[in-house]
Amino acid sequence: MPKMKSNSSAKKRFRVTATGKIRRYRAGHSHLLTKKRPKRKRRLRQADVVASVDVPRIRRLLAV
């Protein structure tokens, strides 16, 4: 059976940490930033961990 191909768009959006968690960046930090408060924009810069219910689906896309 051939190897699984990883999804190219998922490779660009997610990273696996050393402990095996999957990191993602928050949506909403690319445009229309003038109406957003500075505190909200700072929060959007930070990476977050993917919710546990989504992890199996993203692992399949990343072929990890």
PDB file of N, CA and C in Angstrom:
ATOM      1  N   MET A   1       0.847  -1.186   0.000  1.00  0.00           N
ATOM      2  CA  MET A   1       0.000   0.000   0.000  1.00  0.00           C
ATOM      3  C   MET A   1       0.892   1.249   0.000  1.00  0.00           C
ATOM      4  N   PRO A   2       0.590   2.254  -0.830  1.00  0.00           N
ATOM      5  CA  PRO A   2       1.444   3.445  -0.887  1.00  0.00           C
ATOM      6  C   PRO A   2       1.320   4.306   0.365  1.00  0.00           C
ATOM      7  N   LYS A   3       2.306   5.169   0.529  1.00  0.00           N
ATOM      8  CA  LYS A   3       2.285   6.087   1.667  1.00  0.00           C
ATOM      9  C   LYS A   3       1.129   7.068   1.531  1.00  0.00           C
ATOM     10  N   MET A   4       0.662   7.568   2.685  1.00  0.00           N
ATOM     11  CA  MET A   4      -0.374   8.595   2.684  1.00  0.00           C
ATOM     12  C   MET A   4       0.264   9.924   2.316  1.00  0.00           C
ATOM     13  N   LYS A   5      -0.415  10.696   1.471  1.00  0.00           N
ATOM     14  CA  LYS A   5       0.066  12.044   1.155  1.00  0.00           C
ATOM     15  C   LYS A   5      -0.493  13.002   2.193  1.00  0.00           C
ATOM     16  N   SER A   6       0.335  13.951   2.635  1.00  0.00           N
ATOM     17  CA  SER A   6      -0.165  14.953   3.561  1.00  0.00           C
ATOM     18  C   SER A   6      -0.808  16.079   2.762  1.00  0.00           C
ATOM     19  N   ASN A   7      -1.809  16.697   3.350  1.00  0.00           N
ATOM     20  CA  ASN A   7      -2.544  17.776   2.707  1.00  0.00           C
ATOM     21  C   ASN A   7      -1.700  19.048   2.740  1.00  0.00           C
ATOM     22  N   SER A   8      -1.471  19.650   1.572  1.00  0.00           N
ATOM     23  CA  SER A   8      -0.563  20.795   1.476  1.00  0.00           C
ATOM     24  C   SER A   8      -1.063  22.010   2.247  1.00  0.00           C
ATOM     25  N   SER A   9      -2.371  22.254   2.217  1.00  0.00           N
ATOM     26  CA  SER A   9      -2.896  23.416   2.939  1.00  0.00           C
ATOM     27  C   SER A   9      -2.794  23.212   4.449  1.00  0.00           C
ATOM     28  N   ALA A  10      -2.970  21.970   4.905  1.00  0.00           N
ATOM     29  CA  ALA A  10      -2.854  21.677   6.332  1.00  0.00           C
ATOM     30  C   ALA A  10      -1.408  21.822   6.800  1.00  0.00           C
ATOM     31  N   LYS A  11      -0.448  21.462   5.945  1.00  0.00           N
ATOM     32  CA  LYS A  11       0.970  21.593   6.299  1.00  0.00           C
ATOM     33  C   LYS A  11       1.317  23.043   6.594  1.00  0.00           C
ATOM     34  N   LYS A  12       0.685  23.968   5.854  1.00  0.00           N
ATOM     35  CA  LYS A  12       0.983  25.393   6.023  1.00  0.00           C
ATOM     36  C   LYS A  12       0.297  25.988   7.246  1.00  0.00           C
ATOM     37  N   ARG A  13      -0.788  25.372   7.700  1.00  0.00           N
ATOM     38  CA  ARG A  13      -1.583  25.954   8.775  1.00  0.00           C
ATOM     39  C   ARG A  13      -1.313  25.380  10.153  1.00  0.00           C
ATOM     40  N   PHE A  14      -0.808  24.154  10.234  1.00  0.00           N
ATOM     41  CA  PHE A  14      -0.645  23.485  11.517  1.00  0.00           C
ATOM     42  C   PHE A  14       0.779  23.014  11.713  1.00  0.00           C
ATOM     43  N   ARG A  15       1.222  23.002  12.993  1.00  0.00           N
ATOM     44  CA  ARG A  15       2.536  22.466  13.353  1.00  0.00           C
ATOM     45  C   ARG A  15       2.349  21.522  14.531  1.00  0.00           C
ATOM     46  N   VAL A  16       3.107  20.449  14.545  1.00  0.00           N
ATOM     47  CA  VAL A  16       3.055  19.510  15.663  1.00  0.00           C
ATOM     48  C   VAL A  16       4.173  19.882  16.627  1.00  0.00           C
ATOM     49  N   THR A  17       3.839  20.020  17.909  1.00  0.00           N
ATOM     50  CA  THR A  17       4.838  20.378  18.918  1.00  0.00           C
ATOM     51  C   THR A  17       5.631  19.139  19.318  1.00  0.00           C
ATOM     52  N   ALA A  18       6.653  19.340  20.108  1.00  0.00           N
ATOM     53  CA  ALA A  18       7.506  18.232  20.556  1.00  0.00           C
ATOM     54  C   ALA A  18       6.724  17.239  21.417  1.00  0.00           C
ATOM     55  N   THR A  19       5.708  17.721  22.124  1.00  0.00           N
ATOM     56  CA  THR A  19       4.903  16.828  22.960  1.00  0.00           C
ATOM     57  C   THR A  19       3.762  16.173  22.194  1.00  0.00           C
ATOM     58  N   GLY A  20       3.609  16.528  20.906  1.00  0.00           N
ATOM     59  CA  GLY A  20       2.591  15.886  20.082  1.00  0.00           C
ATOM     60  C   GLY A  20       1.299  16.664  19.928  1.00  0.00           C
ATOM     61  N   LYS A  21       1.218  17.848  20.553  1.00  0.00           N
ATOM     62  CA  LYS A  21       0.023  18.679  20.384  1.00  0.00           C
ATOM     63  C   LYS A  21       0.105  19.370  19.026  1.00  0.00           C
ATOM     64  N   ILE A  22      -1.042  19.826  18.541  1.00  0.00           N
ATOM     65  CA  ILE A  22      -1.075  20.510  17.250  1.00  0.00           C
ATOM     66  C   ILE A  22      -1.387  21.978  17.491  1.00  0.00           C
ATOM     67  N   ARG A  23      -0.500  22.835  16.963  1.00  0.00           N
ATOM     68  CA  ARG A  23      -0.672  24.283  17.126  1.00  0.00           C
ATOM     69  C   ARG A  23      -1.310  24.871  15.883  1.00  0.00           C
ATOM     70  N   ARG A  24      -2.093  25.937  16.088  1.00  0.00           N
ATOM     71  CA  ARG A  24      -2.702  26.658  14.977  1.00  0.00           C
ATOM     72  C   ARG A  24      -2.632  28.150  15.292  1.00  0.00           C
ATOM     73  N   TYR A  25      -2.784  28.962  14.251  1.00  0.00           N
ATOM     74  CA  TYR A  25      -2.861  30.404  14.450  1.00  0.00           C
ATOM     75  C   TYR A  25      -4.312  30.833  14.348  1.00  0.00           C
ATOM     76  N   ARG A  26      -4.654  31.889  15.058  1.00  0.00           N
ATOM     77  CA  ARG A  26      -6.041  32.333  15.139  1.00  0.00           C
ATOM     78  C   ARG A  26      -6.474  33.068  13.875  1.00  0.00           C
ATOM     79  N   ALA A  27      -7.733  32.931  13.535  1.00  0.00           N
ATOM     80  CA  ALA A  27      -8.284  33.617  12.369  1.00  0.00           C
ATOM     81  C   ALA A  27      -8.608  35.062  12.724  1.00  0.00           C
ATOM     82  N   GLY A  28      -8.687  35.917  11.710  1.00  0.00           N
ATOM     83  CA  GLY A  28      -9.153  37.284  11.911  1.00  0.00           C
ATOM     84  C   GLY A  28      -8.057  38.305  12.111  1.00  0.00           C
ATOM     85  N   HIS A  29      -6.809  37.979  11.767  1.00  0.00           N
ATOM     86  CA  HIS A  29      -5.717  38.932  11.985  1.00  0.00           C
ATOM     87  C   HIS A  29      -5.089  39.381  10.666  1.00  0.00           C
ATOM     88  N   SER A  30      -5.851  39.291   9.577  1.00  0.00           N
ATOM     89  CA  SER A  30      -5.273  39.631   8.280  1.00  0.00           C
ATOM     90  C   SER A  30      -5.786  40.949   7.709  1.00  0.00           C
ATOM     91  N   HIS A  31      -7.014  41.333   8.029  1.00  0.00           N
ATOM     92  CA  HIS A  31      -7.538  42.592   7.489  1.00  0.00           C
ATOM     93  C   HIS A  31      -8.614  43.140   8.415  1.00  0.00           C
ATOM     94  N   LEU A  32      -9.085  44.354   8.125  1.00  0.00           N
ATOM     95  CA  LEU A  32     -10.086  45.057   8.954  1.00  0.00           C
ATOM     96  C   LEU A  32      -9.593  45.198  10.395  1.00  0.00           C
ATOM     97  N   LEU A  33      -8.326  45.570  10.543  1.00  0.00           N
ATOM     98  CA  LEU A  33      -7.729  45.630  11.877  1.00  0.00           C
ATOM     99  C   LEU A  33      -7.979  46.948  12.583  1.00  0.00           C
ATOM    100  N   THR A  34      -8.424  47.988  11.851  1.00  0.00           N
ATOM    101  CA  THR A  34      -8.609  49.296  12.486  1.00  0.00           C
ATOM    102  C   THR A  34      -9.762  49.282  13.471  1.00  0.00           C
ATOM    103  N   LYS A  35     -10.769  48.461  13.213  1.00  0.00           N
ATOM    104  CA  LYS A  35     -11.932  48.426  14.106  1.00  0.00           C
ATOM    105  C   LYS A  35     -11.720  47.510  15.315  1.00  0.00           C
ATOM    106  N   LYS A  36     -10.659  46.722  15.287  1.00  0.00           N
ATOM    107  CA  LYS A  36     -10.408  45.798  16.398  1.00  0.00           C
ATOM    108  C   LYS A  36      -9.545  46.474  17.454  1.00  0.00           C
ATOM    109  N   ARG A  37      -9.868  46.219  18.711  1.00  0.00           N
ATOM    110  CA  ARG A  37      -9.130  46.806  19.832  1.00  0.00           C
ATOM    111  C   ARG A  37      -7.733  46.199  19.901  1.00  0.00           C
ATOM    112  N   PRO A  38      -6.745  46.968  20.404  1.00  0.00           N
ATOM    113  CA  PRO A  38      -5.371  46.459  20.495  1.00  0.00           C
ATOM    114  C   PRO A  38      -5.251  45.159  21.291  1.00  0.00           C
ATOM    115  N   LYS A  39      -6.032  45.028  22.353  1.00  0.00           N
ATOM    116  CA  LYS A  39      -5.980  43.809  23.162  1.00  0.00           C
ATOM    117  C   LYS A  39      -6.391  42.593  22.339  1.00  0.00           C
ATOM    118  N   ARG A  40      -7.420  42.771  21.530  1.00  0.00           N
ATOM    119  CA  ARG A  40      -7.901  41.676  20.683  1.00  0.00           C
ATOM    120  C   ARG A  40      -6.856  41.305  19.632  1.00  0.00           C
ATOM    121  N   LYS A  41      -6.197  42.321  19.068  1.00  0.00           N
ATOM    122  CA  LYS A  41      -5.174  42.066  18.051  1.00  0.00           C
ATOM    123  C   LYS A  41      -3.964  41.354  18.644  1.00  0.00           C
ATOM    124  N   ARG A  42      -3.602  41.695  19.872  1.00  0.00           N
ATOM    125  CA  ARG A  42      -2.495  40.994  20.551  1.00  0.00           C
ATOM    126  C   ARG A  42      -2.841  39.535  20.771  1.00  0.00           C
ATOM    127  N   ARG A  43      -4.070  39.269  21.178  1.00  0.00           N
ATOM    128  CA  ARG A  43      -4.516  37.890  21.396  1.00  0.00           C
ATOM    129  C   ARG A  43      -4.488  37.090  20.098  1.00  0.00           C
ATOM    130  N   LEU A  44      -4.847  37.739  18.984  1.00  0.00           N
ATOM    131  CA  LEU A  44      -4.889  37.047  17.693  1.00  0.00           C
ATOM    132  C   LEU A  44      -3.500  36.664  17.199  1.00  0.00           C
ATOM    133  N   ARG A  45      -2.461  37.359  17.682  1.00  0.00           N
ATOM    134  CA  ARG A  45      -1.089  37.036  17.285  1.00  0.00           C
ATOM    135  C   ARG A  45      -0.615  35.713  17.871  1.00  0.00           C
ATOM    136  N   GLN A  46      -1.159  35.346  19.020  1.00  0.00           N
ATOM    137  CA  GLN A  46      -0.683  34.164  19.739  1.00  0.00           C
ATOM    138  C   GLN A  46      -1.194  32.884  19.086  1.00  0.00           C
ATOM    139  N   ALA A  47      -0.359  31.875  19.059  1.00  0.00           N
ATOM    140  CA  ALA A  47      -0.776  30.563  18.563  1.00  0.00           C
ATOM    141  C   ALA A  47      -1.627  29.890  19.641  1.00  0.00           C
ATOM    142  N   ASP A  48      -2.440  28.955  19.216  1.00  0.00           N
ATOM    143  CA  ASP A  48      -3.322  28.242  20.128  1.00  0.00           C
ATOM    144  C   ASP A  48      -3.197  26.748  19.840  1.00  0.00           C
ATOM    145  N   VAL A  49      -3.667  25.934  20.756  1.00  0.00           N
ATOM    146  CA  VAL A  49      -3.652  24.480  20.569  1.00  0.00           C
ATOM    147  C   VAL A  49      -5.002  24.072  19.991  1.00  0.00           C
ATOM    148  N   VAL A  50      -4.982  23.170  19.047  1.00  0.00           N
ATOM    149  CA  VAL A  50      -6.209  22.693  18.395  1.00  0.00           C
ATOM    150  C   VAL A  50      -7.067  21.938  19.412  1.00  0.00           C
ATOM    151  N   ALA A  51      -8.372  22.108  19.310  1.00  0.00           N
ATOM    152  CA  ALA A  51      -9.307  21.433  20.211  1.00  0.00           C
ATOM    153  C   ALA A  51      -9.182  19.919  20.053  1.00  0.00           C
ATOM    154  N   SER A  52      -9.387  19.209  21.150  1.00  0.00           N
ATOM    155  CA  SER A  52      -9.158  17.760  21.165  1.00  0.00           C
ATOM    156  C   SER A  52     -10.064  17.010  20.189  1.00  0.00           C
ATOM    157  N   VAL A  53     -11.270  17.523  19.942  1.00  0.00           N
ATOM    158  CA  VAL A  53     -12.181  16.840  19.012  1.00  0.00           C
ATOM    159  C   VAL A  53     -11.699  16.938  17.567  1.00  0.00           C
ATOM    160  N   ASP A  54     -10.899  17.970  17.238  1.00  0.00           N
ATOM    161  CA  ASP A  54     -10.415  18.167  15.871  1.00  0.00           C
ATOM    162  C   ASP A  54      -9.074  17.493  15.605  1.00  0.00           C
ATOM    163  N   VAL A  55      -8.389  17.074  16.658  1.00  0.00           N
ATOM    164  CA  VAL A  55      -7.035  16.527  16.507  1.00  0.00           C
ATOM    165  C   VAL A  55      -6.979  15.307  15.581  1.00  0.00           C
ATOM    166  N   PRO A  56      -7.868  14.306  15.707  1.00  0.00           N
ATOM    167  CA  PRO A  56      -7.764  13.145  14.821  1.00  0.00           C
ATOM    168  C   PRO A  56      -7.893  13.506  13.337  1.00  0.00           C
ATOM    169  N   ARG A  57      -8.790  14.450  13.034  1.00  0.00           N
ATOM    170  CA  ARG A  57      -9.014  14.860  11.650  1.00  0.00           C
ATOM    171  C   ARG A  57      -7.779  15.557  11.080  1.00  0.00           C
ATOM    172  N   ILE A  58      -7.157  16.410  11.890  1.00  0.00           N
ATOM    173  CA  ILE A  58      -5.972  17.156  11.420  1.00  0.00           C
ATOM    174  C   ILE A  58      -4.768  16.218  11.322  1.00  0.00           C
ATOM    175  N   ARG A  59      -4.651  15.264  12.244  1.00  0.00           N
ATOM    176  CA  ARG A  59      -3.573  14.276  12.141  1.00  0.00           C
ATOM    177  C   ARG A  59      -3.682  13.491  10.840  1.00  0.00           C
ATOM    178  N   ARG A  60      -4.906  13.164  10.440  1.00  0.00           N
ATOM    179  CA  ARG A  60      -5.101  12.448   9.186  1.00  0.00           C
ATOM    180  C   ARG A  60      -4.674  13.309   7.994  1.00  0.00           C
ATOM    181  N   LEU A  61      -4.980  14.613   8.041  1.00  0.00           N
ATOM    182  CA  LEU A  61      -4.584  15.512   6.954  1.00  0.00           C
ATOM    183  C   LEU A  61      -3.073  15.660   6.886  1.00  0.00           C
ATOM    184  N   LEU A  62      -2.427  15.687   8.066  1.00  0.00           N
ATOM    185  CA  LEU A  62      -0.975  15.851   8.107  1.00  0.00           C
ATOM    186  C   LEU A  62      -0.252  14.533   7.879  1.00  0.00           C
ATOM    187  N   ALA A  63      -0.965  13.428   7.886  1.00  0.00           N
ATOM    188  CA  ALA A  63      -0.396  12.092   7.742  1.00  0.00           C
ATOM    189  C   ALA A  63       0.685  11.837   8.792  1.00  0.00           C
ATOM    190  N   VAL A  64       0.365  12.210  10.047  1.00  0.00           N
ATOM    191  CA  VAL A  64       1.298  12.032  11.170  1.00  0.00           C
ATOM    192  C   VAL A  64       0.995  10.732  11.875  1.00  0.00           C
TER     193      VAL A  64
END
